[in-house]
Amino acid sequence: MRCGVIRSGGQLIATKAWRADRPWSRLRGLLGRAPLSVERGEALWLVPCGSVHTIGMRYPLDLVFLDRSGGVIDCHEHVEPWRMRRARGAHQTIEFASGALSRLKPSLGDAWIWESA
């Protein structure tokens, strides 16, 4: 996985964001990895990805679904382990530690971009 940052309108959304854009990295995702940190601004950007599951996870996640152009189309907070979420029209998904979205307050239509570090 490559590491970078996530921005929206010049604002830094995530200071450390891994990009999972290959089959194996998307399949593995966060399984077997240390939990993401809200305080360190960590996230996992999955592309292409229109749905996610938390099967096998030991902690909840916050999710943001984006369309092809990076526009926010749906958000889910505190998705517990052993659940599934999807968004119609989603092409990309960003996973955050639970509690991140209450700080970020994303709005539908916001344009988010991932930049390589």
PDB file of N, CA and C in Angstrom:
ATOM      1  N   MET A   1       0.846  -1.184   0.000  1.00  0.00           N
ATOM      2  CA  MET A   1       0.000   0.000   0.000  1.00  0.00           C
ATOM      3  C   MET A   1       0.888   1.243   0.000  1.00  0.00           C
ATOM      4  N   ARG A   2       0.435   2.223  -0.740  1.00  0.00           N
ATOM      5  CA  ARG A   2       1.153   3.503  -0.784  1.00  0.00           C
ATOM      6  C   ARG A   2       0.608   4.427   0.293  1.00  0.00           C
ATOM      7  N   CYS A   3       1.457   5.334   0.772  1.00  0.00           N
ATOM      8  CA  CYS A   3       1.055   6.257   1.824  1.00  0.00           C
ATOM      9  C   CYS A   3       0.979   7.674   1.268  1.00  0.00           C
ATOM     10  N   GLY A   4       0.009   8.432   1.756  1.00  0.00           N
ATOM     11  CA  GLY A   4      -0.166   9.810   1.326  1.00  0.00           C
ATOM     12  C   GLY A   4      -1.042  10.562   2.315  1.00  0.00           C
ATOM     13  N   VAL A   5      -1.710  11.588   1.816  1.00  0.00           N
ATOM     14  CA  VAL A   5      -2.621  12.391   2.638  1.00  0.00           C
ATOM     15  C   VAL A   5      -3.952  12.526   1.908  1.00  0.00           C
ATOM     16  N   ILE A   6      -4.986  12.913   2.653  1.00  0.00           N
ATOM     17  CA  ILE A   6      -6.303  13.182   2.059  1.00  0.00           C
ATOM     18  C   ILE A   6      -6.624  14.642   2.319  1.00  0.00           C
ATOM     19  N   ARG A   7      -7.071  15.329   1.252  1.00  0.00           N
ATOM     20  CA  ARG A   7      -7.433  16.745   1.351  1.00  0.00           C
ATOM     21  C   ARG A   7      -8.831  16.974   0.792  1.00  0.00           C
ATOM     22  N   SER A   8      -9.436  18.045   1.290  1.00  0.00           N
ATOM     23  CA  SER A   8     -10.731  18.497   0.770  1.00  0.00           C
ATOM     24  C   SER A   8     -10.722  20.015   0.793  1.00  0.00           C
ATOM     25  N   GLY A   9     -10.761  20.605  -0.384  1.00  0.00           N
ATOM     26  CA  GLY A   9     -10.780  22.066  -0.481  1.00  0.00           C
ATOM     27  C   GLY A   9      -9.593  22.725   0.210  1.00  0.00           C
ATOM     28  N   GLY A  10      -8.427  22.112   0.117  1.00  0.00           N
ATOM     29  CA  GLY A  10      -7.242  22.664   0.738  1.00  0.00           C
ATOM     30  C   GLY A  10      -7.069  22.270   2.192  1.00  0.00           C
ATOM     31  N   GLN A  11      -8.120  21.741   2.817  1.00  0.00           N
ATOM     32  CA  GLN A  11      -8.059  21.322   4.221  1.00  0.00           C
ATOM     33  C   GLN A  11      -7.523  19.893   4.299  1.00  0.00           C
ATOM     34  N   LEU A  12      -6.642  19.643   5.256  1.00  0.00           N
ATOM     35  CA  LEU A  12      -6.093  18.314   5.463  1.00  0.00           C
ATOM     36  C   LEU A  12      -7.116  17.463   6.226  1.00  0.00           C
ATOM     37  N   ILE A  13      -7.525  16.367   5.616  1.00  0.00           N
ATOM     38  CA  ILE A  13      -8.502  15.454   6.218  1.00  0.00           C
ATOM     39  C   ILE A  13      -7.786  14.352   6.992  1.00  0.00           C
ATOM     40  N   ALA A  14      -6.771  13.754   6.374  1.00  0.00           N
ATOM     41  CA  ALA A  14      -5.992  12.686   7.006  1.00  0.00           C
ATOM     42  C   ALA A  14      -4.515  12.936   6.726  1.00  0.00           C
ATOM     43  N   THR A  15      -3.704  12.926   7.783  1.00  0.00           N
ATOM     44  CA  THR A  15      -2.276  13.200   7.624  1.00  0.00           C
ATOM     45  C   THR A  15      -1.485  11.958   7.233  1.00  0.00           C
ATOM     46  N   LYS A  16      -2.073  10.788   7.426  1.00  0.00           N
ATOM     47  CA  LYS A  16      -1.428   9.532   7.031  1.00  0.00           C
ATOM     48  C   LYS A  16      -2.513   8.618   6.479  1.00  0.00           C
ATOM     49  N   ALA A  17      -2.566   8.515   5.152  1.00  0.00           N
ATOM     50  CA  ALA A  17      -3.603   7.715   4.502  1.00  0.00           C
ATOM     51  C   ALA A  17      -2.947   6.693   3.581  1.00  0.00           C
ATOM     52  N   TRP A  18      -3.257   5.434   3.828  1.00  0.00           N
ATOM     53  CA  TRP A  18      -2.758   4.375   2.955  1.00  0.00           C
ATOM     54  C   TRP A  18      -3.764   4.170   1.838  1.00  0.00           C
ATOM     55  N   ARG A  19      -3.267   3.913   0.629  1.00  0.00           N
ATOM     56  CA  ARG A  19      -4.131   3.700  -0.535  1.00  0.00           C
ATOM     57  C   ARG A  19      -4.047   2.237  -0.947  1.00  0.00           C
ATOM     58  N   ALA A  20      -5.171   1.554  -0.838  1.00  0.00           N
ATOM     59  CA  ALA A  20      -5.274   0.156  -1.247  1.00  0.00           C
ATOM     60  C   ALA A  20      -5.971   0.128  -2.599  1.00  0.00           C
ATOM     61  N   ASP A  21      -5.172   0.009  -3.658  1.00  0.00           N
ATOM     62  CA  ASP A  21      -5.743   0.063  -5.005  1.00  0.00           C
ATOM     63  C   ASP A  21      -5.375  -1.151  -5.851  1.00  0.00           C
ATOM     64  N   ARG A  22      -4.949  -2.211  -5.183  1.00  0.00           N
ATOM     65  CA  ARG A  22      -4.644  -3.474  -5.859  1.00  0.00           C
ATOM     66  C   ARG A  22      -5.459  -4.571  -5.182  1.00  0.00           C
ATOM     67  N   PRO A  23      -5.751  -5.644  -5.906  1.00  0.00           N
ATOM     68  CA  PRO A  23      -6.629  -6.677  -5.336  1.00  0.00           C
ATOM     69  C   PRO A  23      -6.199  -7.166  -3.952  1.00  0.00           C
ATOM     70  N   TRP A  24      -4.926  -7.504  -3.769  1.00  0.00           N
ATOM     71  CA  TRP A  24      -4.503  -8.040  -2.478  1.00  0.00           C
ATOM     72  C   TRP A  24      -4.616  -7.004  -1.371  1.00  0.00           C
ATOM     73  N   SER A  25      -4.197  -5.767  -1.639  1.00  0.00           N
ATOM     74  CA  SER A  25      -4.252  -4.742  -0.581  1.00  0.00           C
ATOM     75  C   SER A  25      -5.699  -4.408  -0.214  1.00  0.00           C
ATOM     76  N   ARG A  26      -6.610  -4.434  -1.185  1.00  0.00           N
ATOM     77  CA  ARG A  26      -8.032  -4.202  -0.872  1.00  0.00           C
ATOM     78  C   ARG A  26      -8.605  -5.371  -0.091  1.00  0.00           C
ATOM     79  N   LEU A  27      -8.233  -6.585  -0.476  1.00  0.00           N
ATOM     80  CA  LEU A  27      -8.743  -7.777   0.205  1.00  0.00           C
ATOM     81  C   LEU A  27      -8.299  -7.803   1.660  1.00  0.00           C
ATOM     82  N   ARG A  28      -7.041  -7.502   1.908  1.00  0.00           N
ATOM     83  CA  ARG A  28      -6.525  -7.525   3.281  1.00  0.00           C
ATOM     84  C   ARG A  28      -7.031  -6.333   4.074  1.00  0.00           C
ATOM     85  N   GLY A  29      -7.032  -5.157   3.469  1.00  0.00           N
ATOM     86  CA  GLY A  29      -7.513  -3.963   4.156  1.00  0.00           C
ATOM     87  C   GLY A  29      -6.830  -3.759   5.488  1.00  0.00           C
ATOM     88  N   LEU A  30      -7.613  -3.666   6.544  1.00  0.00           N
ATOM     89  CA  LEU A  30      -7.078  -3.445   7.887  1.00  0.00           C
ATOM     90  C   LEU A  30      -6.932  -4.725   8.700  1.00  0.00           C
ATOM     91  N   LEU A  31      -7.319  -5.863   8.119  1.00  0.00           N
ATOM     92  CA  LEU A  31      -7.247  -7.122   8.860  1.00  0.00           C
ATOM     93  C   LEU A  31      -5.815  -7.433   9.274  1.00  0.00           C
ATOM     94  N   GLY A  32      -5.633  -7.725  10.548  1.00  0.00           N
ATOM     95  CA  GLY A  32      -4.322  -8.066  11.069  1.00  0.00           C
ATOM     96  C   GLY A  32      -3.391  -6.881  11.258  1.00  0.00           C
ATOM     97  N   ARG A  33      -3.903  -5.688  11.110  1.00  0.00           N
ATOM     98  CA  ARG A  33      -3.100  -4.481  11.286  1.00  0.00           C
ATOM     99  C   ARG A  33      -3.505  -3.772  12.583  1.00  0.00           C
ATOM    100  N   ALA A  34      -2.625  -2.920  13.069  1.00  0.00           N
ATOM    101  CA  ALA A  34      -2.942  -2.117  14.249  1.00  0.00           C
ATOM    102  C   ALA A  34      -4.120  -1.196  13.925  1.00  0.00           C
ATOM    103  N   PRO A  35      -4.974  -0.904  14.898  1.00  0.00           N
ATOM    104  CA  PRO A  35      -6.116  -0.010  14.650  1.00  0.00           C
ATOM    105  C   PRO A  35      -5.662   1.367  14.172  1.00  0.00           C
ATOM    106  N   LEU A  36      -6.474   1.979  13.331  1.00  0.00           N
ATOM    107  CA  LEU A  36      -6.225   3.355  12.900  1.00  0.00           C
ATOM    108  C   LEU A  36      -6.363   4.291  14.095  1.00  0.00           C
ATOM    109  N   SER A  37      -5.686   5.418  14.022  1.00  0.00           N
ATOM    110  CA  SER A  37      -5.717   6.392  15.121  1.00  0.00           C
ATOM    111  C   SER A  37      -6.394   7.682  14.678  1.00  0.00           C
ATOM    112  N   VAL A  38      -7.365   8.131  15.466  1.00  0.00           N
ATOM    113  CA  VAL A  38      -8.004   9.420  15.213  1.00  0.00           C
ATOM    114  C   VAL A  38      -6.997  10.539  15.475  1.00  0.00           C
ATOM    115  N   GLU A  39      -6.257  10.410  16.573  1.00  0.00           N
ATOM    116  CA  GLU A  39      -5.316  11.458  16.975  1.00  0.00           C
ATOM    117  C   GLU A  39      -4.204  11.675  15.956  1.00  0.00           C
ATOM    118  N   ARG A  40      -3.763  10.597  15.302  1.00  0.00           N
ATOM    119  CA  ARG A  40      -2.693  10.717  14.301  1.00  0.00           C
ATOM    120  C   ARG A  40      -3.245  10.980  12.901  1.00  0.00           C
ATOM    121  N   GLY A  41      -4.555  11.079  12.766  1.00  0.00           N
ATOM    122  CA  GLY A  41      -5.174  11.377  11.473  1.00  0.00           C
ATOM    123  C   GLY A  41      -4.964  10.303  10.432  1.00  0.00           C
ATOM    124  N   GLU A  42      -5.148   9.041  10.814  1.00  0.00           N
ATOM    125  CA  GLU A  42      -4.910   7.919   9.912  1.00  0.00           C
ATOM    126  C   GLU A  42      -6.188   7.465   9.218  1.00  0.00           C
ATOM    127  N   ALA A  43      -6.007   6.942   7.980  1.00  0.00           N
ATOM    128  CA  ALA A  43      -7.145   6.457   7.200  1.00  0.00           C
ATOM    129  C   ALA A  43      -6.661   5.430   6.185  1.00  0.00           C
ATOM    130  N   LEU A  44      -7.602   4.641   5.672  1.00  0.00           N
ATOM    131  CA  LEU A  44      -7.338   3.705   4.575  1.00  0.00           C
ATOM    132  C   LEU A  44      -8.291   4.044   3.442  1.00  0.00           C
ATOM    133  N   TRP A  45      -7.726   4.361   2.261  1.00  0.00           N
ATOM    134  CA  TRP A  45      -8.497   4.717   1.062  1.00  0.00           C
ATOM    135  C   TRP A  45      -8.533   3.481   0.168  1.00  0.00           C
ATOM    136  N   LEU A  46      -9.724   2.926  -0.072  1.00  0.00           N
ATOM    137  CA  LEU A  46      -9.907   1.733  -0.897  1.00  0.00           C
ATOM    138  C   LEU A  46     -10.509   2.133  -2.243  1.00  0.00           C
ATOM    139  N   VAL A  47      -9.847   1.734  -3.335  1.00  0.00           N
ATOM    140  CA  VAL A  47     -10.341   2.067  -4.664  1.00  0.00           C
ATOM    141  C   VAL A  47      -9.959   0.963  -5.658  1.00  0.00           C
ATOM    142  N   PRO A  48     -10.854   0.449  -6.476  1.00  0.00           N
ATOM    143  CA  PRO A  48     -12.297   0.690  -6.430  1.00  0.00           C
ATOM    144  C   PRO A  48     -12.920  -0.071  -5.271  1.00  0.00           C
ATOM    145  N   CYS A  49     -13.951   0.528  -4.688  1.00  0.00           N
ATOM    146  CA  CYS A  49     -14.614  -0.091  -3.541  1.00  0.00           C
ATOM    147  C   CYS A  49     -15.952   0.599  -3.289  1.00  0.00           C
ATOM    148  N   GLY A  50     -17.039  -0.133  -3.481  1.00  0.00           N
ATOM    149  CA  GLY A  50     -18.362   0.421  -3.242  1.00  0.00           C
ATOM    150  C   GLY A  50     -19.044  -0.145  -2.016  1.00  0.00           C
ATOM    151  N   SER A  51     -18.393  -1.152  -1.390  1.00  0.00           N
ATOM    152  CA  SER A  51     -18.945  -1.738  -0.166  1.00  0.00           C
ATOM    153  C   SER A  51     -17.797  -2.282   0.674  1.00  0.00           C
ATOM    154  N   VAL A  52     -18.011  -2.329   1.975  1.00  0.00           N
ATOM    155  CA  VAL A  52     -17.000  -2.865   2.892  1.00  0.00           C
ATOM    156  C   VAL A  52     -17.666  -3.748   3.933  1.00  0.00           C
ATOM    157  N   HIS A  53     -16.839  -4.582   4.553  1.00  0.00           N
ATOM    158  CA  HIS A  53     -17.311  -5.394   5.670  1.00  0.00           C
ATOM    159  C   HIS A  53     -16.334  -5.231   6.825  1.00  0.00           C
ATOM    160  N   THR A  54     -16.816  -5.506   8.007  1.00  0.00           N
ATOM    161  CA  THR A  54     -15.946  -5.473   9.181  1.00  0.00           C
ATOM    162  C   THR A  54     -15.835  -6.867   9.794  1.00  0.00           C
ATOM    163  N   ILE A  55     -16.007  -7.886   8.951  1.00  0.00           N
ATOM    164  CA  ILE A  55     -15.886  -9.265   9.398  1.00  0.00           C
ATOM    165  C   ILE A  55     -14.436  -9.521   9.800  1.00  0.00           C
ATOM    166  N   GLY A  56     -14.249 -10.011  11.000  1.00  0.00           N
ATOM    167  CA  GLY A  56     -12.918 -10.299  11.497  1.00  0.00           C
ATOM    168  C   GLY A  56     -12.249  -9.114  12.182  1.00  0.00           C
ATOM    169  N   MET A  57     -12.888  -7.955  12.142  1.00  0.00           N
ATOM    170  CA  MET A  57     -12.316  -6.775  12.798  1.00  0.00           C
ATOM    171  C   MET A  57     -12.579  -6.869  14.297  1.00  0.00           C
ATOM    172  N   ARG A  58     -11.733  -6.173  15.069  1.00  0.00           N
ATOM    173  CA  ARG A  58     -11.905  -6.173  16.524  1.00  0.00           C
ATOM    174  C   ARG A  58     -12.314  -4.806  17.048  1.00  0.00           C
ATOM    175  N   TYR A  59     -12.565  -3.880  16.137  1.00  0.00           N
ATOM    176  CA  TYR A  59     -12.901  -2.515  16.547  1.00  0.00           C
ATOM    177  C   TYR A  59     -13.808  -1.888  15.490  1.00  0.00           C
ATOM    178  N   PRO A  60     -14.620  -0.900  15.864  1.00  0.00           N
ATOM    179  CA  PRO A  60     -15.525  -0.250  14.914  1.00  0.00           C
ATOM    180  C   PRO A  60     -14.785   0.744  14.015  1.00  0.00           C
ATOM    181  N   LEU A  61     -15.423   1.072  12.893  1.00  0.00           N
ATOM    182  CA  LEU A  61     -14.860   2.008  11.918  1.00  0.00           C
ATOM    183  C   LEU A  61     -15.872   3.086  11.561  1.00  0.00           C
ATOM    184  N   ASP A  62     -15.377   4.232  11.129  1.00  0.00           N
ATOM    185  CA  ASP A  62     -16.176   5.252  10.461  1.00  0.00           C
ATOM    186  C   ASP A  62     -15.873   5.138   8.981  1.00  0.00           C
ATOM    187  N   LEU A  63     -16.892   5.274   8.124  1.00  0.00           N
ATOM    188  CA  LEU A  63     -16.731   5.086   6.683  1.00  0.00           C
ATOM    189  C   LEU A  63     -17.229   6.299   5.908  1.00  0.00           C
ATOM    190  N   VAL A  64     -16.512   6.626   4.840  1.00  0.00           N
ATOM    191  CA  VAL A  64     -16.942   7.661   3.906  1.00  0.00           C
ATOM    192  C   VAL A  64     -16.910   7.042   2.517  1.00  0.00           C
ATOM    193  N   PHE A  65     -18.034   7.113   1.810  1.00  0.00           N
ATOM    194  CA  PHE A  65     -18.132   6.598   0.448  1.00  0.00           C
ATOM    195  C   PHE A  65     -18.067   7.764  -0.530  1.00  0.00           C
ATOM    196  N   LEU A  66     -17.262   7.584  -1.589  1.00  0.00           N
ATOM    197  CA  LEU A  66     -17.072   8.617  -2.607  1.00  0.00           C
ATOM    198  C   LEU A  66     -17.480   8.099  -3.974  1.00  0.00           C
ATOM    199  N   ASP A  67     -17.913   9.009  -4.842  1.00  0.00           N
ATOM    200  CA  ASP A  67     -18.185   8.633  -6.228  1.00  0.00           C
ATOM    201  C   ASP A  67     -16.869   8.606  -7.011  1.00  0.00           C
ATOM    202  N   ARG A  68     -16.941   8.401  -8.321  1.00  0.00           N
ATOM    203  CA  ARG A  68     -15.731   8.316  -9.152  1.00  0.00           C
ATOM    204  C   ARG A  68     -14.886   9.579  -9.115  1.00  0.00           C
ATOM    205  N   SER A  69     -15.530  10.714  -8.972  1.00  0.00           N
ATOM    206  CA  SER A  69     -14.791  11.980  -8.989  1.00  0.00           C
ATOM    207  C   SER A  69     -14.314  12.409  -7.603  1.00  0.00           C
ATOM    208  N   GLY A  70     -14.575  11.593  -6.572  1.00  0.00           N
ATOM    209  CA  GLY A  70     -14.123  11.910  -5.222  1.00  0.00           C
ATOM    210  C   GLY A  70     -15.121  12.682  -4.396  1.00  0.00           C
ATOM    211  N   GLY A  71     -16.354  12.801  -4.866  1.00  0.00           N
ATOM    212  CA  GLY A  71     -17.394  13.495  -4.106  1.00  0.00           C
ATOM    213  C   GLY A  71     -17.994  12.604  -3.035  1.00  0.00           C
ATOM    214  N   VAL A  72     -18.172  13.146  -1.842  1.00  0.00           N
ATOM    215  CA  VAL A  72     -18.765  12.394  -0.735  1.00  0.00           C
ATOM    216  C   VAL A  72     -20.237  12.117  -1.050  1.00  0.00           C
ATOM    217  N   ILE A  73     -20.616  10.825  -1.025  1.00  0.00           N
ATOM    218  CA  ILE A  73     -22.016  10.471  -1.294  1.00  0.00           C
ATOM    219  C   ILE A  73     -22.701   9.817  -0.105  1.00  0.00           C
ATOM    220  N   ASP A  74     -21.931   9.324   0.875  1.00  0.00           N
ATOM    221  CA  ASP A  74     -22.540   8.703   2.051  1.00  0.00           C
ATOM    222  C   ASP A  74     -21.482   8.541   3.149  1.00  0.00           C
ATOM    223  N   CYS A  75     -21.935   8.524   4.398  1.00  0.00           N
ATOM    224  CA  CYS A  75     -21.046   8.342   5.554  1.00  0.00           C
ATOM    225  C   CYS A  75     -21.734   7.436   6.559  1.00  0.00           C
ATOM    226  N   HIS A  76     -20.946   6.641   7.262  1.00  0.00           N
ATOM    227  CA  HIS A  76     -21.455   5.773   8.327  1.00  0.00           C
ATOM    228  C   HIS A  76     -20.499   5.869   9.504  1.00  0.00           C
ATOM    229  N   GLU A  77     -21.046   6.174  10.676  1.00  0.00           N
ATOM    230  CA  GLU A  77     -20.226   6.274  11.874  1.00  0.00           C
ATOM    231  C   GLU A  77     -20.361   5.017  12.727  1.00  0.00           C
ATOM    232  N   HIS A  78     -19.272   4.672  13.394  1.00  0.00           N
ATOM    233  CA  HIS A  78     -19.215   3.596  14.376  1.00  0.00           C
ATOM    234  C   HIS A  78     -19.834   2.291  13.850  1.00  0.00           C
ATOM    235  N   VAL A  79     -19.289   1.803  12.737  1.00  0.00           N
ATOM    236  CA  VAL A  79     -19.734   0.519  12.178  1.00  0.00           C
ATOM    237  C   VAL A  79     -19.037  -0.589  12.959  1.00  0.00           C
ATOM    238  N   GLU A  80     -19.823  -1.326  13.708  1.00  0.00           N
ATOM    239  CA  GLU A  80     -19.312  -2.372  14.591  1.00  0.00           C
ATOM    240  C   GLU A  80     -18.729  -3.540  13.788  1.00  0.00           C
ATOM    241  N   PRO A  81     -17.869  -4.352  14.433  1.00  0.00           N
ATOM    242  CA  PRO A  81     -17.369  -5.568  13.780  1.00  0.00           C
ATOM    243  C   PRO A  81     -18.513  -6.485  13.351  1.00  0.00           C
ATOM    244  N   TRP A  82     -18.253  -7.232  12.295  1.00  0.00           N
ATOM    245  CA  TRP A  82     -19.174  -8.207  11.726  1.00  0.00           C
ATOM    246  C   TRP A  82     -20.400  -7.566  11.064  1.00  0.00           C
ATOM    247  N   ARG A  83     -20.175  -6.397  10.459  1.00  0.00           N
ATOM    248  CA  ARG A  83     -21.248  -5.704   9.738  1.00  0.00           C
ATOM    249  C   ARG A  83     -20.807  -5.441   8.301  1.00  0.00           C
ATOM    250  N   MET A  84     -21.760  -5.070   7.457  1.00  0.00           N
ATOM    251  CA  MET A  84     -21.459  -4.681   6.073  1.00  0.00           C
ATOM    252  C   MET A  84     -22.134  -3.343   5.791  1.00  0.00           C
ATOM    253  N   ARG A  85     -21.490  -2.536   4.949  1.00  0.00           N
ATOM    254  CA  ARG A  85     -22.077  -1.267   4.513  1.00  0.00           C
ATOM    255  C   ARG A  85     -21.734  -1.058   3.036  1.00  0.00           C
ATOM    256  N   ARG A  86     -22.664  -0.428   2.321  1.00  0.00           N
ATOM    257  CA  ARG A  86     -22.430  -0.080   0.921  1.00  0.00           C
ATOM    258  C   ARG A  86     -23.154   1.213   0.618  1.00  0.00           C
ATOM    259  N   ALA A  87     -22.788   1.801  -0.501  1.00  0.00           N
ATOM    260  CA  ALA A  87     -23.462   3.019  -0.937  1.00  0.00           C
ATOM    261  C   ALA A  87     -23.650   2.934  -2.445  1.00  0.00           C
ATOM    262  N   ARG A  88     -24.859   3.156  -2.875  1.00  0.00           N
ATOM    263  CA  ARG A  88     -25.168   3.120  -4.306  1.00  0.00           C
ATOM    264  C   ARG A  88     -24.379   4.219  -5.020  1.00  0.00           C
ATOM    265  N   GLY A  89     -23.661   3.841  -6.063  1.00  0.00           N
ATOM    266  CA  GLY A  89     -22.875   4.791  -6.835  1.00  0.00           C
ATOM    267  C   GLY A  89     -21.475   5.029  -6.296  1.00  0.00           C
ATOM    268  N   ALA A  90     -21.124   4.344  -5.207  1.00  0.00           N
ATOM    269  CA  ALA A  90     -19.791   4.530  -4.621  1.00  0.00           C
ATOM    270  C   ALA A  90     -18.743   3.819  -5.469  1.00  0.00           C
ATOM    271  N   HIS A  91     -17.607   4.463  -5.621  1.00  0.00           N
ATOM    272  CA  HIS A  91     -16.470   3.887  -6.337  1.00  0.00           C
ATOM    273  C   HIS A  91     -15.235   3.821  -5.442  1.00  0.00           C
ATOM    274  N   GLN A  92     -15.259   4.563  -4.345  1.00  0.00           N
ATOM    275  CA  GLN A  92     -14.134   4.632  -3.424  1.00  0.00           C
ATOM    276  C   GLN A  92     -14.679   4.680  -2.000  1.00  0.00           C
ATOM    277  N   THR A  93     -13.924   4.099  -1.066  1.00  0.00           N
ATOM    278  CA  THR A  93     -14.330   4.106   0.330  1.00  0.00           C
ATOM    279  C   THR A  93     -13.130   4.462   1.190  1.00  0.00           C
ATOM    280  N   ILE A  94     -13.355   5.282   2.190  1.00  0.00           N
ATOM    281  CA  ILE A  94     -12.299   5.630   3.129  1.00  0.00           C
ATOM    282  C   ILE A  94     -12.715   5.142   4.511  1.00  0.00           C
ATOM    283  N   GLU A  95     -11.807   4.404   5.150  1.00  0.00           N
ATOM    284  CA  GLU A  95     -12.045   3.889   6.488  1.00  0.00           C
ATOM    285  C   GLU A  95     -11.233   4.715   7.482  1.00  0.00           C
ATOM    286  N   PHE A  96     -11.892   5.089   8.577  1.00  0.00           N
ATOM    287  CA  PHE A  96     -11.272   5.849   9.661  1.00  0.00           C
ATOM    288  C   PHE A  96     -11.535   5.127  10.978  1.00  0.00           C
ATOM    289  N   ALA A  97     -10.763   5.449  11.994  1.00  0.00           N
ATOM    290  CA  ALA A  97     -11.064   4.972  13.340  1.00  0.00           C
ATOM    291  C   ALA A  97     -12.404   5.568  13.760  1.00  0.00           C
ATOM    292  N   SER A  98     -13.150   4.819  14.544  1.00  0.00           N
ATOM    293  CA  SER A  98     -14.425   5.320  15.034  1.00  0.00           C
ATOM    294  C   SER A  98     -14.212   6.614  15.819  1.00  0.00           C
ATOM    295  N   GLY A  99     -15.028   7.612  15.532  1.00  0.00           N
ATOM    296  CA  GLY A  99     -14.907   8.912  16.179  1.00  0.00           C
ATOM    297  C   GLY A  99     -14.323   9.974  15.264  1.00  0.00           C
ATOM    298  N   ALA A 100     -13.705   9.555  14.166  1.00  0.00           N
ATOM    299  CA  ALA A 100     -13.076  10.516  13.251  1.00  0.00           C
ATOM    300  C   ALA A 100     -14.113  11.409  12.564  1.00  0.00           C
ATOM    301  N   LEU A 101     -15.252  10.854  12.169  1.00  0.00           N
ATOM    302  CA  LEU A 101     -16.231  11.644  11.427  1.00  0.00           C
ATOM    303  C   LEU A 101     -16.884  12.717  12.285  1.00  0.00           C
ATOM    304  N   SER A 102     -16.986  12.483  13.582  1.00  0.00           N
ATOM    305  CA  SER A 102     -17.551  13.524  14.449  1.00  0.00           C
ATOM    306  C   SER A 102     -16.622  14.736  14.490  1.00  0.00           C
ATOM    307  N   ARG A 103     -15.335  14.520  14.291  1.00  0.00           N
ATOM    308  CA  ARG A 103     -14.371  15.625  14.219  1.00  0.00           C
ATOM    309  C   ARG A 103     -14.348  16.256  12.829  1.00  0.00           C
ATOM    310  N   LEU A 104     -14.394  15.426  11.788  1.00  0.00           N
ATOM    311  CA  LEU A 104     -14.250  15.914  10.412  1.00  0.00           C
ATOM    312  C   LEU A 104     -15.527  16.559   9.867  1.00  0.00           C
ATOM    313  N   LYS A 105     -16.661  16.047  10.268  1.00  0.00           N
ATOM    314  CA  LYS A 105     -17.961  16.549   9.820  1.00  0.00           C
ATOM    315  C   LYS A 105     -18.049  16.692   8.290  1.00  0.00           C
ATOM    316  N   PRO A 106     -17.875  15.582   7.550  1.00  0.00           N
ATOM    317  CA  PRO A 106     -17.965  15.668   6.085  1.00  0.00           C
ATOM    318  C   PRO A 106     -19.382  16.003   5.637  1.00  0.00           C
ATOM    319  N   SER A 107     -19.484  16.718   4.529  1.00  0.00           N
ATOM    320  CA  SER A 107     -20.777  17.066   3.946  1.00  0.00           C
ATOM    321  C   SER A 107     -20.930  16.369   2.606  1.00  0.00           C
ATOM    322  N   LEU A 108     -22.156  15.960   2.299  1.00  0.00           N
ATOM    323  CA  LEU A 108     -22.410  15.354   1.003  1.00  0.00           C
ATOM    324  C   LEU A 108     -21.999  16.331  -0.089  1.00  0.00           C
ATOM    325  N   GLY A 109     -21.279  15.815  -1.084  1.00  0.00           N
ATOM    326  CA  GLY A 109     -20.823  16.642  -2.197  1.00  0.00           C
ATOM    327  C   GLY A 109     -19.413  17.179  -2.031  1.00  0.00           C
ATOM    328  N   ASP A 110     -18.863  17.157  -0.808  1.00  0.00           N
ATOM    329  CA  ASP A 110     -17.472  17.585  -0.627  1.00  0.00           C
ATOM    330  C   ASP A 110     -16.577  16.772  -1.553  1.00  0.00           C
ATOM    331  N   ALA A 111     -15.594  17.406  -2.163  1.00  0.00           N
ATOM    332  CA  ALA A 111     -14.642  16.721  -3.039  1.00  0.00           C
ATOM    333  C   ALA A 111     -13.388  16.378  -2.238  1.00  0.00           C
ATOM    334  N   TRP A 112     -13.065  15.097  -2.155  1.00  0.00           N
ATOM    335  CA  TRP A 112     -11.894  14.620  -1.433  1.00  0.00           C
ATOM    336  C   TRP A 112     -10.883  14.063  -2.435  1.00  0.00           C
ATOM    337  N   ILE A 113      -9.603  14.309  -2.174  1.00  0.00           N
ATOM    338  CA  ILE A 113      -8.556  13.765  -3.031  1.00  0.00           C
ATOM    339  C   ILE A 113      -7.466  13.124  -2.168  1.00  0.00           C
ATOM    340  N   TRP A 114      -6.852  12.092  -2.712  1.00  0.00           N
ATOM    341  CA  TRP A 114      -5.711  11.446  -2.079  1.00  0.00           C
ATOM    342  C   TRP A 114      -4.479  11.925  -2.815  1.00  0.00           C
ATOM    343  N   GLU A 115      -3.460  12.340  -2.072  1.00  0.00           N
ATOM    344  CA  GLU A 115      -2.191  12.793  -2.660  1.00  0.00           C
ATOM    345  C   GLU A 115      -1.066  11.928  -2.113  1.00  0.00           C
ATOM    346  N   SER A 116      -0.190  11.498  -2.998  1.00  0.00           N
ATOM    347  CA  SER A 116       0.958  10.703  -2.590  1.00  0.00           C
ATOM    348  C   SER A 116       1.904  11.536  -1.732  1.00  0.00           C
ATOM    349  N   ALA A 117       2.479  10.894  -0.724  1.00  0.00           N
ATOM    350  CA  ALA A 117       3.408  11.605   0.172  1.00  0.00           C
ATOM    351  C   ALA A 117       4.785  11.725  -0.448  1.00  0.00           C
TER     352      ALA A 117
END
